[in-house]
């Protein structure tokens, strides 16, 4: 019975869940729907936006904004803010 259960799970065509560590953001390739990279952002990353050739992540607890270059993908800068974004 155990072998049949294992075989049934390995034949499923469903996506496996992806675990993103705390304070990280994940980049997903829309063509494959696969995670291509994970980057550490600031403390409790929240809203994400794209603009000016970058991806911007608001860090709610860190009172900062993380700028990511989507071409590399690497964190370019972390900008401190006077209040929570």
C-alpha atoms as a PDB file:
ATOM      1  CA  UNK A   1       0.000   0.000   0.000  1.00  0.00           C
ATOM      2  CA  UNK A   2       2.836   2.422   0.798  1.00  0.00           C
ATOM      3  CA  UNK A   3       4.373   2.046  -2.686  1.00  0.00           C
ATOM      4  CA  UNK A   4       1.007   2.790  -4.315  1.00  0.00           C
ATOM      5  CA  UNK A   5       0.579   5.969  -2.261  1.00  0.00           C
ATOM      6  CA  UNK A   6       4.096   7.174  -3.125  1.00  0.00           C
ATOM      7  CA  UNK A   7       3.507   6.461  -6.818  1.00  0.00           C
ATOM      8  CA  UNK A   8       0.198   8.328  -6.755  1.00  0.00           C
ATOM      9  CA  UNK A   9       1.831  11.407  -5.230  1.00  0.00           C
ATOM     10  CA  UNK A  10       4.713  11.364  -7.703  1.00  0.00           C
ATOM     11  CA  UNK A  11       2.289  11.228 -10.644  1.00  0.00           C
ATOM     12  CA  UNK A  12       0.309  14.304  -9.579  1.00  0.00           C
ATOM     13  CA  UNK A  13       0.547  17.268 -11.931  1.00  0.00           C
ATOM     14  CA  UNK A  14       0.001  19.878  -9.235  1.00  0.00           C
ATOM     15  CA  UNK A  15       2.523  22.549  -8.329  1.00  0.00           C
ATOM     16  CA  UNK A  16       4.577  22.013  -5.200  1.00  0.00           C
ATOM     17  CA  UNK A  17       4.451  24.807  -2.603  1.00  0.00           C
ATOM     18  CA  UNK A  18       7.434  27.132  -2.415  1.00  0.00           C
ATOM     19  CA  UNK A  19       8.645  28.283   0.973  1.00  0.00           C
ATOM     20  CA  UNK A  20      10.096  31.779   0.969  1.00  0.00           C
ATOM     21  CA  UNK A  21      12.113  32.522   4.117  1.00  0.00           C
ATOM     22  CA  UNK A  22      11.047  35.433   6.342  1.00  0.00           C
ATOM     23  CA  UNK A  23      12.215  38.858   5.083  1.00  0.00           C
ATOM     24  CA  UNK A  24      12.887  37.511   1.575  1.00  0.00           C
ATOM     25  CA  UNK A  25      11.109  38.099  -1.731  1.00  0.00           C
ATOM     26  CA  UNK A  26      10.924  35.584  -4.571  1.00  0.00           C
ATOM     27  CA  UNK A  27      11.149  36.224  -8.317  1.00  0.00           C
ATOM     28  CA  UNK A  28       8.893  34.075 -10.494  1.00  0.00           C
ATOM     29  CA  UNK A  29       9.434  33.442 -14.214  1.00  0.00           C
ATOM     30  CA  UNK A  30       5.980  33.975 -15.774  1.00  0.00           C
ATOM     31  CA  UNK A  31       6.816  31.654 -18.693  1.00  0.00           C
ATOM     32  CA  UNK A  32       7.542  28.654 -16.465  1.00  0.00           C
ATOM     33  CA  UNK A  33       5.774  29.718 -13.267  1.00  0.00           C
ATOM     34  CA  UNK A  34       8.921  28.701 -11.356  1.00  0.00           C
ATOM     35  CA  UNK A  35      10.845  30.613  -8.700  1.00  0.00           C
ATOM     36  CA  UNK A  36      14.080  31.848 -10.276  1.00  0.00           C
ATOM     37  CA  UNK A  37      15.638  33.590  -7.290  1.00  0.00           C
ATOM     38  CA  UNK A  38      15.086  34.663  -3.697  1.00  0.00           C
ATOM     39  CA  UNK A  39      16.519  37.872  -2.312  1.00  0.00           C
ATOM     40  CA  UNK A  40      16.699  39.180   1.207  1.00  0.00           C
ATOM     41  CA  UNK A  41      14.712  42.389   1.526  1.00  0.00           C
ATOM     42  CA  UNK A  42      14.226  44.387   4.717  1.00  0.00           C
ATOM     43  CA  UNK A  43      12.231  43.637   7.812  1.00  0.00           C
ATOM     44  CA  UNK A  44       8.701  42.366   6.974  1.00  0.00           C
ATOM     45  CA  UNK A  45       8.576  43.062   3.214  1.00  0.00           C
ATOM     46  CA  UNK A  46       5.148  44.154   2.067  1.00  0.00           C
ATOM     47  CA  UNK A  47       3.961  45.955  -1.061  1.00  0.00           C
ATOM     48  CA  UNK A  48       5.986  45.370  -4.235  1.00  0.00           C
ATOM     49  CA  UNK A  49       5.978  47.658  -7.287  1.00  0.00           C
ATOM     50  CA  UNK A  50       7.864  47.936 -10.559  1.00  0.00           C
ATOM     51  CA  UNK A  51       9.087  51.205 -12.071  1.00  0.00           C
ATOM     52  CA  UNK A  52      12.134  53.129 -13.271  1.00  0.00           C
ATOM     53  CA  UNK A  53      13.785  49.859 -14.319  1.00  0.00           C
ATOM     54  CA  UNK A  54      13.660  48.436 -10.798  1.00  0.00           C
ATOM     55  CA  UNK A  55      11.499  46.386  -8.475  1.00  0.00           C
ATOM     56  CA  UNK A  56      10.689  48.224  -5.240  1.00  0.00           C
ATOM     57  CA  UNK A  57       9.849  46.467  -1.970  1.00  0.00           C
ATOM     58  CA  UNK A  58       8.405  48.369   0.991  1.00  0.00           C
ATOM     59  CA  UNK A  59       9.741  46.990   4.273  1.00  0.00           C
ATOM     60  CA  UNK A  60       7.026  47.585   6.828  1.00  0.00           C
ATOM     61  CA  UNK A  61       8.935  47.008  10.065  1.00  0.00           C
ATOM     62  CA  UNK A  62      12.254  48.271   8.756  1.00  0.00           C
ATOM     63  CA  UNK A  63      10.867  51.642   7.629  1.00  0.00           C
ATOM     64  CA  UNK A  64      12.789  51.284   4.387  1.00  0.00           C
ATOM     65  CA  UNK A  65      12.470  50.697   0.663  1.00  0.00           C
ATOM     66  CA  UNK A  66      14.553  48.023  -1.076  1.00  0.00           C
ATOM     67  CA  UNK A  67      15.469  48.590  -4.733  1.00  0.00           C
ATOM     68  CA  UNK A  68      16.099  45.429  -6.782  1.00  0.00           C
ATOM     69  CA  UNK A  69      17.582  45.243 -10.285  1.00  0.00           C
ATOM     70  CA  UNK A  70      15.421  42.630 -12.027  1.00  0.00           C
ATOM     71  CA  UNK A  71      18.061  42.013 -14.712  1.00  0.00           C
ATOM     72  CA  UNK A  72      20.699  40.688 -12.298  1.00  0.00           C
ATOM     73  CA  UNK A  73      18.592  40.074  -9.827  1.00  0.00           C
ATOM     74  CA  UNK A  74      20.355  41.787  -6.937  1.00  0.00           C
ATOM     75  CA  UNK A  75      19.545  44.321  -4.273  1.00  0.00           C
ATOM     76  CA  UNK A  76      20.859  47.675  -5.506  1.00  0.00           C
ATOM     77  CA  UNK A  77      20.016  49.822  -2.508  1.00  0.00           C
ATOM     78  CA  UNK A  78      18.028  50.022   0.693  1.00  0.00           C
ATOM     79  CA  UNK A  79      16.634  53.482   1.319  1.00  0.00           C
ATOM     80  CA  UNK A  80      15.705  54.473   4.895  1.00  0.00           C
ATOM     81  CA  UNK A  81      12.318  56.177   5.317  1.00  0.00           C
ATOM     82  CA  UNK A  82      11.120  58.453   8.143  1.00  0.00           C
ATOM     83  CA  UNK A  83       7.971  56.344   8.656  1.00  0.00           C
ATOM     84  CA  UNK A  84       6.452  52.988   7.729  1.00  0.00           C
ATOM     85  CA  UNK A  85       5.842  52.840   3.952  1.00  0.00           C
END
